[in-house]
Amino acid sequence: MATIGVQEPVEMQEPPAAPPSVAHRVADPGPLGLAAFAMTTFALSIANTNVWAPAGDTALALALVYGGSIQVLAGMWEFARKNTFGALAFTSYGAFWISYYVLAKFILPGVKAADVPTVVGVYLLGWTIFTFYLMVTTLRLNVALVVVFVVLEVTFVLLTIGNFNSQETLIKVGGWCGVATAAAAWYTSFAGVINETFKKSVLPVGPLTR
């Protein structure tokens, strides 16, 4: 007699679980770092234009606290978010402002007048080179950051040449480019915070095609 087999029940396999969403331990520090950079750059650039020369003292205060210390903190928070570009940029430019404070307050007063252009020129040249390769990196990020770093690079080039050669006209033009840099950084900071707050794109930053 033929045996009628009993079909084993088929176990239903559960669908694979969806990957967990990325939970950041800190809020986006980008708008903070950009705001700190913008305000300090604005004060120093206004001094360089010679419109309000005493703004240089304002820039020193901002360089130590807002542009310097706060940007370094923003860079550390970018490390926590695993954002290599933000971590490098904010930490480095925070160090730029702190070192600028040290240079202006403690180093330059003891340097011979004839050597000041070289000291400042070499200092700015290093930051010009650094800003150039960050500018190239922004080509993979968004238009707003591209604008910030392109204008910042032009600013550093003008200030470097102007200080090496003691050319007041170039330094003034560099100052106005610095004002434009501050405006672009403020816009990018504003876009970051308002878009995050409203949970939609209120101010465009122009994401680039990757």
Protein backbone atom coordinates (compact mmCIF):
# COMPACT_ATOMS: atom_id res chain seq x y z
CA MET A 1 0.00 0.00 0.00
CA ALA A 2 1.26 3.33 -0.91
CA THR A 3 2.05 5.60 2.00
CA ILE A 4 0.61 9.04 1.88
CA GLY A 5 3.29 11.46 3.08
CA VAL A 6 2.38 14.23 5.50
CA GLN A 7 3.69 17.59 4.29
CA GLU A 8 5.76 19.39 6.86
CA PRO A 9 4.50 22.88 7.67
CA VAL A 10 6.58 25.57 5.97
CA GLU A 11 8.09 28.04 8.40
CA MET A 12 7.58 31.65 7.33
CA GLN A 13 10.79 33.61 7.40
CA GLU A 14 10.58 37.12 8.82
CA PRO A 15 11.70 39.89 6.48
CA PRO A 16 15.10 41.33 7.32
CA ALA A 17 14.96 44.18 9.77
CA ALA A 18 15.44 47.66 8.38
CA PRO A 19 18.83 49.19 9.22
CA PRO A 20 18.62 51.41 12.29
CA SER A 21 18.53 55.13 11.63
CA VAL A 22 21.63 57.11 12.49
CA ALA A 23 21.22 58.79 15.85
CA HIS A 24 23.58 61.71 16.37
CA ARG A 25 24.75 62.33 19.90
CA VAL A 26 25.05 66.06 19.28
CA ALA A 27 23.13 68.64 17.27
CA ASP A 28 24.61 69.88 14.00
CA PRO A 29 27.53 72.14 15.03
CA GLY A 30 27.92 73.51 11.50
CA PRO A 31 25.77 76.65 11.91
CA LEU A 32 27.57 77.49 15.17
CA GLY A 33 31.04 77.11 13.68
CA LEU A 34 30.11 79.13 10.61
CA ALA A 35 28.54 81.90 12.70
CA ALA A 36 31.67 82.14 14.87
CA PHE A 37 33.87 82.26 11.79
CA ALA A 38 31.65 84.85 10.10
CA MET A 39 31.51 87.31 13.00
CA THR A 40 35.24 87.24 13.70
CA THR A 41 36.09 87.50 10.00
CA PHE A 42 33.71 90.46 9.67
CA ALA A 43 35.36 92.39 12.52
CA LEU A 44 38.92 91.83 11.27
CA SER A 45 37.96 92.54 7.66
CA ILE A 46 36.27 95.83 8.58
CA ALA A 47 39.54 96.80 10.27
CA ASN A 48 41.50 95.80 7.13
CA THR A 49 39.28 98.00 4.96
CA ASN A 50 40.22 100.89 7.26
CA VAL A 51 36.56 101.91 7.46
CA TRP A 52 36.55 101.31 11.22
CA ALA A 53 40.18 100.70 12.12
CA PRO A 54 39.47 100.19 15.87
CA ALA A 55 37.46 97.09 14.88
CA GLY A 56 40.81 95.31 15.03
CA ASP A 57 40.53 95.30 18.83
CA THR A 58 37.03 93.84 18.52
CA ALA A 59 38.45 91.14 16.27
CA LEU A 60 41.06 90.23 18.89
CA ALA A 61 38.41 89.64 21.55
CA LEU A 62 36.31 87.57 19.16
CA ALA A 63 39.39 85.67 17.94
CA LEU A 64 40.12 84.32 21.40
CA VAL A 65 36.58 83.38 22.40
CA TYR A 66 34.03 83.10 19.59
CA GLY A 67 36.09 82.60 16.46
CA GLY A 68 38.73 80.61 18.31
CA SER A 69 37.46 78.56 21.24
CA ILE A 70 33.91 78.06 19.98
CA GLN A 71 35.09 76.93 16.55
CA VAL A 72 37.44 74.40 18.13
CA LEU A 73 34.49 73.04 20.12
CA ALA A 74 32.41 72.88 16.94
CA GLY A 75 35.21 70.90 15.35
CA MET A 76 35.23 68.42 18.23
CA TRP A 77 31.48 67.93 17.88
CA GLU A 78 31.96 67.33 14.15
CA PHE A 79 34.39 64.55 15.08
CA ALA A 80 31.59 63.00 17.15
CA ARG A 81 29.32 63.16 14.09
CA LYS A 82 32.05 61.56 11.94
CA ASN A 83 32.16 64.60 9.64
CA THR A 84 35.79 64.74 8.56
CA PHE A 85 35.49 67.99 6.59
CA GLY A 86 33.66 69.86 9.36
CA ALA A 87 36.03 68.54 12.02
CA LEU A 88 39.11 69.59 10.09
CA ALA A 89 37.76 72.98 9.00
CA PHE A 90 36.31 74.19 12.30
CA THR A 91 39.16 72.92 14.46
CA SER A 92 41.77 74.42 12.13
CA TYR A 93 40.14 77.82 11.72
CA GLY A 94 39.49 77.93 15.44
CA ALA A 95 43.23 77.42 15.86
CA PHE A 96 43.79 80.11 13.23
CA TRP A 97 41.93 82.68 15.31
CA ILE A 98 43.60 81.70 18.58
CA SER A 99 47.04 81.82 16.94
CA TYR A 100 46.14 85.19 15.38
CA TYR A 101 45.39 86.48 18.88
CA VAL A 102 48.74 85.21 20.15
CA LEU A 103 50.56 86.64 17.13
CA ALA A 104 49.00 90.09 17.43
CA LYS A 105 49.18 90.39 21.22
CA PHE A 106 52.46 88.71 22.10
CA ILE A 107 54.64 88.06 19.04
CA LEU A 108 54.43 91.07 16.74
CA PRO A 109 55.10 93.70 19.45
CA GLY A 110 58.57 92.17 19.88
CA VAL A 111 59.36 91.83 16.17
CA LYS A 112 61.47 94.41 14.34
CA ALA A 113 59.31 96.67 12.18
CA ALA A 114 61.21 95.63 9.05
CA ASP A 115 60.44 91.95 9.73
CA VAL A 116 56.69 92.31 10.41
CA PRO A 117 55.65 91.96 6.72
CA THR A 118 57.54 88.67 6.43
CA VAL A 119 56.20 87.27 9.71
CA VAL A 120 52.61 88.08 8.83
CA GLY A 121 53.07 87.10 5.19
CA VAL A 122 54.41 83.63 6.00
CA TYR A 123 51.60 83.13 8.51
CA LEU A 124 48.96 84.03 5.93
CA LEU A 125 50.65 82.02 3.17
CA GLY A 126 50.30 78.83 5.19
CA TRP A 127 46.58 79.46 5.65
CA THR A 128 46.22 80.29 1.96
CA ILE A 129 47.58 76.84 1.05
CA PHE A 130 45.38 75.11 3.63
CA THR A 131 42.27 76.97 2.46
CA PHE A 132 42.96 76.01 -1.14
CA TYR A 133 42.67 72.27 -0.57
CA LEU A 134 39.60 72.70 1.61
CA MET A 135 38.11 74.80 -1.21
CA VAL A 136 38.67 71.90 -3.61
CA THR A 137 36.96 69.55 -1.16
CA THR A 138 33.82 71.72 -1.03
CA LEU A 139 33.19 70.85 -4.70
CA ARG A 140 31.67 67.62 -3.32
CA LEU A 141 29.49 69.39 -0.74
CA ASN A 142 27.21 72.30 -1.63
CA VAL A 143 27.23 75.59 -3.52
CA ALA A 144 27.00 77.72 -0.37
CA LEU A 145 30.22 76.26 1.03
CA VAL A 146 31.92 76.55 -2.36
CA VAL A 147 31.16 80.28 -2.35
CA VAL A 148 32.45 80.68 1.23
CA PHE A 149 35.76 78.98 0.48
CA VAL A 150 36.33 80.52 -2.95
CA VAL A 151 35.92 84.04 -1.55
CA LEU A 152 37.98 83.10 1.52
CA GLU A 153 40.79 81.84 -0.70
CA VAL A 154 40.77 85.10 -2.68
CA THR A 155 40.86 86.98 0.64
CA PHE A 156 43.90 85.07 1.87
CA VAL A 157 45.73 85.51 -1.45
CA LEU A 158 45.20 89.27 -1.40
CA LEU A 159 46.16 89.62 2.27
CA THR A 160 49.24 87.43 1.82
CA ILE A 161 50.56 89.44 -1.12
CA GLY A 162 49.54 92.72 0.48
CA ASN A 163 51.33 91.98 3.75
CA PHE A 164 54.47 90.57 2.12
CA ASN A 165 54.81 93.74 0.06
CA SER A 166 53.27 96.21 2.55
CA GLN A 167 50.68 97.20 -0.06
CA GLU A 168 47.85 98.93 1.75
CA THR A 169 45.59 98.88 -1.31
CA LEU A 170 45.73 95.08 -1.59
CA ILE A 171 45.11 94.73 2.14
CA LYS A 172 42.02 96.96 1.83
CA VAL A 173 40.71 94.95 -1.12
CA GLY A 174 41.39 91.79 0.88
CA GLY A 175 39.40 93.36 3.70
CA TRP A 176 36.38 93.84 1.44
CA CYS A 177 36.70 90.25 0.21
CA GLY A 178 36.76 89.24 3.87
CA VAL A 179 33.49 91.09 4.42
CA ALA A 180 32.03 89.13 1.49
CA THR A 181 33.37 85.91 3.04
CA ALA A 182 31.67 86.75 6.34
CA ALA A 183 28.38 87.43 4.53
CA ALA A 184 28.56 84.08 2.72
CA ALA A 185 29.41 82.24 5.95
CA TRP A 186 26.54 83.96 7.80
CA TYR A 187 24.13 82.96 5.03
CA THR A 188 25.30 79.34 5.16
CA SER A 189 24.98 79.33 8.95
CA PHE A 190 21.49 80.86 8.74
CA ALA A 191 20.45 78.30 6.14
CA GLY A 192 21.69 75.46 8.33
CA VAL A 193 19.83 76.54 11.45
CA ILE A 194 16.59 77.64 9.79
CA ASN A 195 16.34 74.54 7.59
CA GLU A 196 16.93 72.33 10.62
CA THR A 197 14.38 74.24 12.72
CA PHE A 198 11.63 74.20 10.09
CA LYS A 199 12.52 70.67 8.93
CA LYS A 200 12.47 71.77 5.30
CA SER A 201 14.55 73.75 2.83
CA VAL A 202 13.73 77.38 3.59
CA LEU A 203 17.06 78.77 2.40
CA PRO A 204 18.76 76.83 -0.41
CA VAL A 205 22.40 75.84 -0.16
CA GLY A 206 22.55 74.27 -3.61
CA PRO A 207 23.52 70.62 -3.13
CA LEU A 208 25.96 69.49 -5.79
CA THR A 209 25.51 66.41 -7.97
CA ARG A 210 27.72 63.59 -6.71
